[in-house]
Full PDB file with SEQRES, HELIX, SHEET, SSBOND, CRYST1, ORIGX, SCALE, CONECT and MASTER records, all heavy atoms in Angstrom:
SEQRES   1 A   35  PHE ASP LYS ALA ASP MET SER THR SER PRO GLU MET GLY          
SEQRES   2 A   35  LEU VAL PRO ILE LEU ARG ALA GLY ASN ILE GLY GLN ARG          
SEQRES   3 A   35  LEU ASP VAL ILE ASN ASP LEU VAL TRP                          
HELIX    1 AA1 LYS A    3  ASP A    5  5                                   3    
HELIX    2 AA2 ALA A   20  ASN A   22  5                                   3    
CRYST1    1.000    1.000    1.000  90.00  90.00  90.00 P 1           1          
ORIGX1      1.000000  0.000000  0.000000        0.00000                         
ORIGX2      0.000000  1.000000  0.000000        0.00000                         
ORIGX3      0.000000  0.000000  1.000000        0.00000                         
SCALE1      1.000000  0.000000  0.000000        0.00000                         
SCALE2      0.000000  1.000000  0.000000        0.00000                         
SCALE3      0.000000  0.000000  1.000000        0.00000                         
ATOM      1  N   PHE A   1       0.853  -1.188  -0.033  1.00  0.00           N  
ATOM      2  CA  PHE A   1      -0.014  -0.015  -0.017  1.00  0.00           C  
ATOM      3  C   PHE A   1       0.850   1.231   0.026  1.00  0.00           C  
ATOM      4  O   PHE A   1       2.019   1.193   0.367  1.00  0.00           O  
ATOM      5  CB  PHE A   1      -0.902   0.029   1.179  1.00  0.00           C  
ATOM      6  CG  PHE A   1      -0.236  -0.142   2.559  1.00  0.00           C  
ATOM      7  CD1 PHE A   1       0.197   0.959   3.233  1.00  0.00           C  
ATOM      8  CD2 PHE A   1      -0.005  -1.410   3.086  1.00  0.00           C  
ATOM      9  CE1 PHE A   1       0.849   0.790   4.464  1.00  0.00           C  
ATOM     10  CE2 PHE A   1       0.661  -1.554   4.263  1.00  0.00           C  
ATOM     11  CZ  PHE A   1       1.058  -0.497   4.994  1.00  0.00           C  
ATOM     12  N   ASP A   2       0.373   2.358  -0.473  1.00  0.00           N  
ATOM     13  CA  ASP A   2       1.031   3.587  -0.461  1.00  0.00           C  
ATOM     14  C   ASP A   2       0.808   4.267   0.850  1.00  0.00           C  
ATOM     15  O   ASP A   2      -0.214   4.103   1.533  1.00  0.00           O  
ATOM     16  CB  ASP A   2       0.487   4.572  -1.578  1.00  0.00           C  
ATOM     17  CG  ASP A   2       0.757   4.029  -2.916  1.00  0.00           C  
ATOM     18  OD1 ASP A   2       1.799   3.423  -3.175  1.00  0.00           O  
ATOM     19  OD2 ASP A   2      -0.116   4.199  -3.805  1.00  0.00           O  
ATOM     20  N   LYS A   3       1.857   5.015   1.359  1.00  0.00           N  
ATOM     21  CA  LYS A   3       1.722   5.711   2.574  1.00  0.00           C  
ATOM     22  C   LYS A   3       0.470   6.641   2.629  1.00  0.00           C  
ATOM     23  O   LYS A   3      -0.185   6.730   3.699  1.00  0.00           O  
ATOM     24  CB  LYS A   3       2.949   6.522   2.811  1.00  0.00           C  
ATOM     25  CG  LYS A   3       3.145   7.070   4.163  1.00  0.00           C  
ATOM     26  CD  LYS A   3       4.471   7.689   4.471  1.00  0.00           C  
ATOM     27  CE  LYS A   3       4.579   8.006   5.899  1.00  0.00           C  
ATOM     28  NZ  LYS A   3       5.918   8.477   6.242  1.00  0.00           N  
ATOM     29  N   ALA A   4       0.062   7.174   1.515  1.00  0.00           N  
ATOM     30  CA  ALA A   4      -1.123   7.968   1.477  1.00  0.00           C  
ATOM     31  C   ALA A   4      -2.422   7.222   1.784  1.00  0.00           C  
ATOM     32  O   ALA A   4      -3.430   7.771   2.176  1.00  0.00           O  
ATOM     33  CB  ALA A   4      -1.187   8.673   0.055  1.00  0.00           C  
ATOM     34  N   ASP A   5      -2.367   5.841   1.520  1.00  0.00           N  
ATOM     35  CA  ASP A   5      -3.566   4.975   1.806  1.00  0.00           C  
ATOM     36  C   ASP A   5      -3.672   4.575   3.257  1.00  0.00           C  
ATOM     37  O   ASP A   5      -4.722   4.034   3.676  1.00  0.00           O  
ATOM     38  CB  ASP A   5      -3.513   3.761   0.935  1.00  0.00           C  
ATOM     39  CG  ASP A   5      -3.662   4.059  -0.534  1.00  0.00           C  
ATOM     40  OD1 ASP A   5      -4.348   4.987  -0.893  1.00  0.00           O  
ATOM     41  OD2 ASP A   5      -3.039   3.297  -1.338  1.00  0.00           O  
ATOM     42  N   MET A   6      -2.633   4.846   4.002  1.00  0.00           N  
ATOM     43  CA  MET A   6      -2.519   4.311   5.382  1.00  0.00           C  
ATOM     44  C   MET A   6      -3.108   5.299   6.387  1.00  0.00           C  
ATOM     45  O   MET A   6      -2.962   6.484   6.277  1.00  0.00           O  
ATOM     46  CB  MET A   6      -1.040   4.106   5.612  1.00  0.00           C  
ATOM     47  CG  MET A   6      -0.640   3.708   7.029  1.00  0.00           C  
ATOM     48  SD  MET A   6       1.094   3.593   7.136  1.00  0.00           S  
ATOM     49  CE  MET A   6       1.520   5.209   7.778  1.00  0.00           C  
ATOM     50  N   SER A   7      -3.787   4.688   7.386  1.00  0.00           N  
ATOM     51  CA  SER A   7      -4.212   5.488   8.580  1.00  0.00           C  
ATOM     52  C   SER A   7      -3.550   4.877   9.839  1.00  0.00           C  
ATOM     53  O   SER A   7      -3.261   3.705   9.905  1.00  0.00           O  
ATOM     54  CB  SER A   7      -5.738   5.444   8.648  1.00  0.00           C  
ATOM     55  OG  SER A   7      -6.183   6.010   9.881  1.00  0.00           O  
ATOM     56  N   THR A   8      -3.340   5.719  10.774  1.00  0.00           N  
ATOM     57  CA  THR A   8      -2.816   5.250  12.124  1.00  0.00           C  
ATOM     58  C   THR A   8      -3.929   4.989  13.173  1.00  0.00           C  
ATOM     59  O   THR A   8      -3.635   4.712  14.304  1.00  0.00           O  
ATOM     60  CB  THR A   8      -1.690   6.183  12.662  1.00  0.00           C  
ATOM     61  OG1 THR A   8      -2.351   7.525  12.788  1.00  0.00           O  
ATOM     62  CG2 THR A   8      -0.570   6.239  11.753  1.00  0.00           C  
ATOM     63  N   SER A   9      -5.218   5.106  12.627  1.00  0.00           N  
ATOM     64  CA  SER A   9      -6.310   4.902  13.560  1.00  0.00           C  
ATOM     65  C   SER A   9      -7.396   4.077  12.792  1.00  0.00           C  
ATOM     66  O   SER A   9      -7.532   4.274  11.567  1.00  0.00           O  
ATOM     67  CB  SER A   9      -6.839   6.180  14.140  1.00  0.00           C  
ATOM     68  OG  SER A   9      -7.297   7.023  13.114  1.00  0.00           O  
ATOM     69  N   PRO A  10      -8.151   3.268  13.558  1.00  0.00           N  
ATOM     70  CA  PRO A  10      -9.153   2.445  12.898  1.00  0.00           C  
ATOM     71  C   PRO A  10     -10.330   3.316  12.416  1.00  0.00           C  
ATOM     72  O   PRO A  10     -10.696   4.297  13.097  1.00  0.00           O  
ATOM     73  CB  PRO A  10      -9.567   1.489  13.987  1.00  0.00           C  
ATOM     74  CG  PRO A  10      -9.227   2.155  15.281  1.00  0.00           C  
ATOM     75  CD  PRO A  10      -8.086   3.010  14.973  1.00  0.00           C  
ATOM     76  N   GLU A  11     -10.886   2.993  11.287  1.00  0.00           N  
ATOM     77  CA  GLU A  11     -12.052   3.651  10.739  1.00  0.00           C  
ATOM     78  C   GLU A  11     -12.835   2.624   9.947  1.00  0.00           C  
ATOM     79  O   GLU A  11     -12.287   1.557   9.538  1.00  0.00           O  
ATOM     80  CB  GLU A  11     -11.684   4.814   9.812  1.00  0.00           C  
ATOM     81  CG  GLU A  11     -10.885   5.902  10.509  1.00  0.00           C  
ATOM     82  CD  GLU A  11     -10.420   6.898   9.480  1.00  0.00           C  
ATOM     83  OE1 GLU A  11     -11.045   7.159   8.466  1.00  0.00           O  
ATOM     84  OE2 GLU A  11      -9.327   7.494   9.764  1.00  0.00           O  
ATOM     85  N   MET A  12     -14.110   2.832   9.674  1.00  0.00           N  
ATOM     86  CA  MET A  12     -14.925   1.949   8.852  1.00  0.00           C  
ATOM     87  C   MET A  12     -14.248   1.835   7.432  1.00  0.00           C  
ATOM     88  O   MET A  12     -13.707   2.775   6.948  1.00  0.00           O  
ATOM     89  CB  MET A  12     -16.334   2.505   8.689  1.00  0.00           C  
ATOM     90  CG  MET A  12     -17.242   2.376   9.970  1.00  0.00           C  
ATOM     91  SD  MET A  12     -17.513   0.619  10.334  1.00  0.00           S  
ATOM     92  CE  MET A  12     -18.691   0.210   9.070  1.00  0.00           C  
ATOM     93  N   GLY A  13     -14.274   0.661   6.989  1.00  0.00           N  
ATOM     94  CA  GLY A  13     -13.692   0.392   5.627  1.00  0.00           C  
ATOM     95  C   GLY A  13     -12.170   0.220   5.563  1.00  0.00           C  
ATOM     96  O   GLY A  13     -11.630   0.042   4.522  1.00  0.00           O  
ATOM     97  N   LEU A  14     -11.574   0.115   6.782  1.00  0.00           N  
ATOM     98  CA  LEU A  14     -10.137  -0.090   6.815  1.00  0.00           C  
ATOM     99  C   LEU A  14      -9.845  -1.434   7.539  1.00  0.00           C  
ATOM    100  O   LEU A  14     -10.576  -1.855   8.417  1.00  0.00           O  
ATOM    101  CB  LEU A  14      -9.431   1.028   7.637  1.00  0.00           C  
ATOM    102  CG  LEU A  14      -9.632   2.487   7.062  1.00  0.00           C  
ATOM    103  CD1 LEU A  14      -8.881   3.479   7.879  1.00  0.00           C  
ATOM    104  CD2 LEU A  14      -9.155   2.514   5.579  1.00  0.00           C  
ATOM    105  N   VAL A  15      -8.720  -2.009   7.151  1.00  0.00           N  
ATOM    106  CA  VAL A  15      -8.287  -3.328   7.670  1.00  0.00           C  
ATOM    107  C   VAL A  15      -6.974  -3.094   8.499  1.00  0.00           C  
ATOM    108  O   VAL A  15      -6.079  -2.414   7.938  1.00  0.00           O  
ATOM    109  CB  VAL A  15      -8.012  -4.333   6.585  1.00  0.00           C  
ATOM    110  CG1 VAL A  15      -7.449  -5.581   7.081  1.00  0.00           C  
ATOM    111  CG2 VAL A  15      -9.335  -4.581   5.788  1.00  0.00           C  
ATOM    112  N   PRO A  16      -6.858  -3.624   9.696  1.00  0.00           N  
ATOM    113  CA  PRO A  16      -5.634  -3.457  10.475  1.00  0.00           C  
ATOM    114  C   PRO A  16      -4.479  -4.308   9.760  1.00  0.00           C  
ATOM    115  O   PRO A  16      -4.716  -5.418   9.298  1.00  0.00           O  
ATOM    116  CB  PRO A  16      -5.946  -3.996  11.767  1.00  0.00           C  
ATOM    117  CG  PRO A  16      -7.125  -4.903  11.636  1.00  0.00           C  
ATOM    118  CD  PRO A  16      -7.852  -4.395  10.400  1.00  0.00           C  
ATOM    119  N   ILE A  17      -3.256  -3.756   9.771  1.00  0.00           N  
ATOM    120  CA  ILE A  17      -2.097  -4.408   9.240  1.00  0.00           C  
ATOM    121  C   ILE A  17      -1.036  -4.557  10.306  1.00  0.00           C  
ATOM    122  O   ILE A  17      -0.644  -3.581  10.960  1.00  0.00           O  
ATOM    123  CB  ILE A  17      -1.537  -3.559   8.049  1.00  0.00           C  
ATOM    124  CG1 ILE A  17      -2.574  -3.393   6.968  1.00  0.00           C  
ATOM    125  CG2 ILE A  17      -0.275  -4.132   7.549  1.00  0.00           C  
ATOM    126  CD1 ILE A  17      -3.027  -4.664   6.238  1.00  0.00           C  
ATOM    127  N   LEU A  18      -0.519  -5.704  10.451  1.00  0.00           N  
ATOM    128  CA  LEU A  18       0.603  -6.015  11.375  1.00  0.00           C  
ATOM    129  C   LEU A  18       1.909  -5.720  10.568  1.00  0.00           C  
ATOM    130  O   LEU A  18       2.027  -5.953   9.412  1.00  0.00           O  
ATOM    131  CB  LEU A  18       0.614  -7.504  11.707  1.00  0.00           C  
ATOM    132  CG  LEU A  18      -0.622  -8.040  12.527  1.00  0.00           C  
ATOM    133  CD1 LEU A  18      -0.567  -9.571  12.534  1.00  0.00           C  
ATOM    134  CD2 LEU A  18      -0.588  -7.486  13.926  1.00  0.00           C  
ATOM    135  N   ARG A  19       2.911  -5.307  11.414  1.00  0.00           N  
ATOM    136  CA  ARG A  19       4.228  -5.132  10.862  1.00  0.00           C  
ATOM    137  C   ARG A  19       5.199  -5.969  11.656  1.00  0.00           C  
ATOM    138  O   ARG A  19       4.812  -6.580  12.621  1.00  0.00           O  
ATOM    139  CB  ARG A  19       4.580  -3.626  10.817  1.00  0.00           C  
ATOM    140  CG  ARG A  19       3.608  -2.878  10.019  1.00  0.00           C  
ATOM    141  CD  ARG A  19       3.776  -1.427   9.920  1.00  0.00           C  
ATOM    142  NE  ARG A  19       3.409  -0.786  11.239  1.00  0.00           N  
ATOM    143  CZ  ARG A  19       3.589   0.463  11.503  1.00  0.00           C  
ATOM    144  NH1 ARG A  19       4.144   1.241  10.713  1.00  0.00           N  
ATOM    145  NH2 ARG A  19       3.202   0.908  12.682  1.00  0.00           N  
ATOM    146  N   ALA A  20       6.496  -5.924  11.305  1.00  0.00           N  
ATOM    147  CA  ALA A  20       7.465  -6.773  11.939  1.00  0.00           C  
ATOM    148  C   ALA A  20       7.479  -6.541  13.458  1.00  0.00           C  
ATOM    149  O   ALA A  20       7.701  -7.477  14.248  1.00  0.00           O  
ATOM    150  CB  ALA A  20       8.858  -6.577  11.359  1.00  0.00           C  
ATOM    151  N   GLY A  21       7.317  -5.350  13.863  1.00  0.00           N  
ATOM    152  CA  GLY A  21       7.267  -4.980  15.274  1.00  0.00           C  
ATOM    153  C   GLY A  21       6.158  -5.650  16.065  1.00  0.00           C  
ATOM    154  O   GLY A  21       6.235  -5.791  17.307  1.00  0.00           O  
ATOM    155  N   ASN A  22       5.177  -6.112  15.336  1.00  0.00           N  
ATOM    156  CA  ASN A  22       4.003  -6.862  16.027  1.00  0.00           C  
ATOM    157  C   ASN A  22       4.258  -8.300  16.181  1.00  0.00           C  
ATOM    158  O   ASN A  22       3.444  -8.979  16.861  1.00  0.00           O  
ATOM    159  CB  ASN A  22       2.728  -6.649  15.226  1.00  0.00           C  
ATOM    160  CG  ASN A  22       2.353  -5.198  15.057  1.00  0.00           C  
ATOM    161  OD1 ASN A  22       2.589  -4.593  14.091  1.00  0.00           O  
ATOM    162  ND2 ASN A  22       1.720  -4.646  16.090  1.00  0.00           N  
ATOM    163  N   ILE A  23       5.345  -8.747  15.633  1.00  0.00           N  
ATOM    164  CA  ILE A  23       5.697 -10.196  15.622  1.00  0.00           C  
ATOM    165  C   ILE A  23       6.711 -10.446  16.746  1.00  0.00           C  
ATOM    166  O   ILE A  23       7.874 -10.012  16.678  1.00  0.00           O  
ATOM    167  CB  ILE A  23       6.212 -10.732  14.346  1.00  0.00           C  
ATOM    168  CG1 ILE A  23       5.176 -10.445  13.236  1.00  0.00           C  
ATOM    169  CG2 ILE A  23       6.568 -12.193  14.392  1.00  0.00           C  
ATOM    170  CD1 ILE A  23       5.703 -10.723  11.834  1.00  0.00           C  
ATOM    171  N   GLY A  24       6.283 -11.180  17.803  1.00  0.00           N  
ATOM    172  CA  GLY A  24       7.214 -11.552  18.912  1.00  0.00           C  
ATOM    173  C   GLY A  24       6.927 -12.945  19.348  1.00  0.00           C  
ATOM    174  O   GLY A  24       6.516 -13.781  18.440  1.00  0.00           O  
ATOM    175  N   GLN A  25       7.038 -13.281  20.569  1.00  0.00           N  
ATOM    176  CA  GLN A  25       6.606 -14.585  21.012  1.00  0.00           C  
ATOM    177  C   GLN A  25       5.224 -14.863  20.684  1.00  0.00           C  
ATOM    178  O   GLN A  25       4.771 -15.976  20.441  1.00  0.00           O  
ATOM    179  CB  GLN A  25       6.906 -14.753  22.503  1.00  0.00           C  
ATOM    180  CG  GLN A  25       8.377 -14.876  22.891  1.00  0.00           C  
ATOM    181  CD  GLN A  25       9.025 -16.108  22.232  1.00  0.00           C  
ATOM    182  OE1 GLN A  25       8.498 -17.144  22.247  1.00  0.00           O  
ATOM    183  NE2 GLN A  25      10.207 -15.902  21.644  1.00  0.00           N  
ATOM    184  N   ARG A  26       4.417 -13.848  20.718  1.00  0.00           N  
ATOM    185  CA  ARG A  26       2.970 -13.766  20.374  1.00  0.00           C  
ATOM    186  C   ARG A  26       2.767 -12.555  19.414  1.00  0.00           C  
ATOM    187  O   ARG A  26       3.565 -11.662  19.408  1.00  0.00           O  
ATOM    188  CB  ARG A  26       2.082 -13.701  21.537  1.00  0.00           C  
ATOM    189  CG  ARG A  26       2.302 -14.766  22.579  1.00  0.00           C  
ATOM    190  CD  ARG A  26       1.280 -14.695  23.607  1.00  0.00           C  
ATOM    191  NE  ARG A  26       0.174 -15.529  23.162  1.00  0.00           N  
ATOM    192  CZ  ARG A  26      -0.470 -16.333  24.052  1.00  0.00           C  
ATOM    193  NH1 ARG A  26      -0.074 -16.324  25.309  1.00  0.00           N  
ATOM    194  NH2 ARG A  26      -1.409 -17.066  23.638  1.00  0.00           N  
ATOM    195  N   LEU A  27       1.698 -12.639  18.641  1.00  0.00           N  
ATOM    196  CA  LEU A  27       1.356 -11.470  17.867  1.00  0.00           C  
ATOM    197  C   LEU A  27       0.729 -10.440  18.675  1.00  0.00           C  
ATOM    198  O   LEU A  27      -0.082 -10.646  19.543  1.00  0.00           O  
ATOM    199  CB  LEU A  27       0.333 -11.885  16.767  1.00  0.00           C  
ATOM    200  CG  LEU A  27       0.753 -12.551  15.563  1.00  0.00           C  
ATOM    201  CD1 LEU A  27      -0.335 -12.831  14.598  1.00  0.00           C  
ATOM    202  CD2 LEU A  27       1.812 -11.742  14.822  1.00  0.00           C  
ATOM    203  N   ASP A  28       1.131  -9.155  18.524  1.00  0.00           N  
ATOM    204  CA  ASP A  28       0.532  -8.043  19.154  1.00  0.00           C  
ATOM    205  C   ASP A  28      -0.440  -7.401  18.128  1.00  0.00           C  
ATOM    206  O   ASP A  28      -0.018  -6.743  17.227  1.00  0.00           O  
ATOM    207  CB  ASP A  28       1.587  -7.062  19.526  1.00  0.00           C  
ATOM    208  CG  ASP A  28       0.985  -5.817  20.255  1.00  0.00           C  
ATOM    209  OD1 ASP A  28      -0.223  -5.695  20.307  1.00  0.00           O  
ATOM    210  OD2 ASP A  28       1.823  -4.971  20.660  1.00  0.00           O  
ATOM    211  N   VAL A  29      -1.759  -7.683  18.347  1.00  0.00           N  
ATOM    212  CA  VAL A  29      -2.785  -7.236  17.394  1.00  0.00           C  
ATOM    213  C   VAL A  29      -3.414  -5.988  17.917  1.00  0.00           C  
ATOM    214  O   VAL A  29      -4.467  -5.523  17.400  1.00  0.00           O  
ATOM    215  CB  VAL A  29      -3.799  -8.361  17.036  1.00  0.00           C  
ATOM    216  CG1 VAL A  29      -3.150  -9.521  16.374  1.00  0.00           C  
ATOM    217  CG2 VAL A  29      -4.508  -8.746  18.295  1.00  0.00           C  
ATOM    218  N   ILE A  30      -2.819  -5.315  18.871  1.00  0.00           N  
ATOM    219  CA  ILE A  30      -3.408  -4.137  19.549  1.00  0.00           C  
ATOM    220  C   ILE A  30      -2.573  -2.903  19.320  1.00  0.00           C  
ATOM    221  O   ILE A  30      -3.111  -1.860  18.869  1.00  0.00           O  
ATOM    222  CB  ILE A  30      -3.490  -4.298  21.073  1.00  0.00           C  
ATOM    223  CG1 ILE A  30      -4.200  -5.604  21.475  1.00  0.00           C  
ATOM    224  CG2 ILE A  30      -4.104  -3.075  21.739  1.00  0.00           C  
ATOM    225  CD1 ILE A  30      -5.693  -5.547  21.478  1.00  0.00           C  
ATOM    226  N   ASN A  31      -1.247  -2.990  19.466  1.00  0.00           N  
ATOM    227  CA  ASN A  31      -0.396  -1.842  19.383  1.00  0.00           C  
ATOM    228  C   ASN A  31       0.268  -1.651  18.036  1.00  0.00           C  
ATOM    229  O   ASN A  31       0.587  -2.625  17.373  1.00  0.00           O  
ATOM    230  CB  ASN A  31       0.643  -1.907  20.493  1.00  0.00           C  
ATOM    231  CG  ASN A  31       0.080  -2.034  21.883  1.00  0.00           C  
ATOM    232  OD1 ASN A  31      -0.658  -1.107  22.295  1.00  0.00           O  
ATOM    233  ND2 ASN A  31       0.252  -3.083  22.569  1.00  0.00           N  
ATOM    234  N   ASP A  32       0.615  -0.315  17.707  1.00  0.00           N  
ATOM    235  CA  ASP A  32       1.396  -0.041  16.525  1.00  0.00           C  
ATOM    236  C   ASP A  32       0.925  -0.582  15.268  1.00  0.00           C  
ATOM    237  O   ASP A  32       1.675  -1.052  14.428  1.00  0.00           O  
ATOM    238  CB  ASP A  32       2.896  -0.430  16.851  1.00  0.00           C  
ATOM    239  CG  ASP A  32       3.817   0.281  15.882  1.00  0.00           C  
ATOM    240  OD1 ASP A  32       3.522   1.423  15.536  1.00  0.00           O  
ATOM    241  OD2 ASP A  32       4.859  -0.278  15.568  1.00  0.00           O  
ATOM    242  N   LEU A  33      -0.425  -0.632  15.077  1.00  0.00           N  
ATOM    243  CA  LEU A  33      -0.938  -1.140  13.781  1.00  0.00           C  
ATOM    244  C   LEU A  33      -1.155   0.043  12.852  1.00  0.00           C  
ATOM    245  O   LEU A  33      -1.160   1.218  13.304  1.00  0.00           O  
ATOM    246  CB  LEU A  33      -2.342  -1.741  14.096  1.00  0.00           C  
ATOM    247  CG  LEU A  33      -2.453  -2.953  15.019  1.00  0.00           C  
ATOM    248  CD1 LEU A  33      -3.911  -3.319  15.294  1.00  0.00           C  
ATOM    249  CD2 LEU A  33      -1.700  -4.121  14.416  1.00  0.00           C  
ATOM    250  N   VAL A  34      -1.290  -0.266  11.562  1.00  0.00           N  
ATOM    251  CA  VAL A  34      -1.735   0.727  10.592  1.00  0.00           C  
ATOM    252  C   VAL A  34      -2.937   0.148   9.945  1.00  0.00           C  
ATOM    253  O   VAL A  34      -3.193  -1.082  10.022  1.00  0.00           O  
ATOM    254  CB  VAL A  34      -0.639   1.063   9.600  1.00  0.00           C  
ATOM    255  CG1 VAL A  34       0.512   1.784  10.199  1.00  0.00           C  
ATOM    256  CG2 VAL A  34      -0.219  -0.155   8.777  1.00  0.00           C  
ATOM    257  N   TRP A  35      -3.786   0.979   9.432  1.00  0.00           N  
ATOM    258  CA  TRP A  35      -5.006   0.493   8.732  1.00  0.00           C  
ATOM    259  C   TRP A  35      -5.017   0.964   7.296  1.00  0.00           C  
ATOM    260  O   TRP A  35      -4.596   2.096   6.984  1.00  0.00           O  
ATOM    261  CB  TRP A  35      -6.238   1.126   9.426  1.00  0.00           C  
ATOM    262  CG  TRP A  35      -6.543   0.474  10.706  1.00  0.00           C  
ATOM    263  CD1 TRP A  35      -7.499  -0.542  10.931  1.00  0.00           C  
ATOM    264  CD2 TRP A  35      -5.981   0.676  12.005  1.00  0.00           C  
ATOM    265  NE1 TRP A  35      -7.524  -0.900  12.230  1.00  0.00           N  
ATOM    266  CE2 TRP A  35      -6.563  -0.253  12.992  1.00  0.00           C  
ATOM    267  CE3 TRP A  35      -4.970   1.474  12.472  1.00  0.00           C  
ATOM    268  CZ2 TRP A  35      -6.277  -0.244  14.201  1.00  0.00           C  
ATOM    269  CZ3 TRP A  35      -4.621   1.453  13.860  1.00  0.00           C  
ATOM    270  CH2 TRP A  35      -5.273   0.644  14.672  1.00  0.00           C  
TER     271      TRP A  35                                                      
MASTER        0    0    0    2    0    0    0    6  270    1    0    3          
END                                                                             
């Protein structure tokens, strides 16, 4: 995705995206997401 398409907060019509920082012993599906 382009940076212009990305949001740092959830909104209708957006899907959360995990990044490398969300991958640890467990997935962090709460913090530091982009939509």
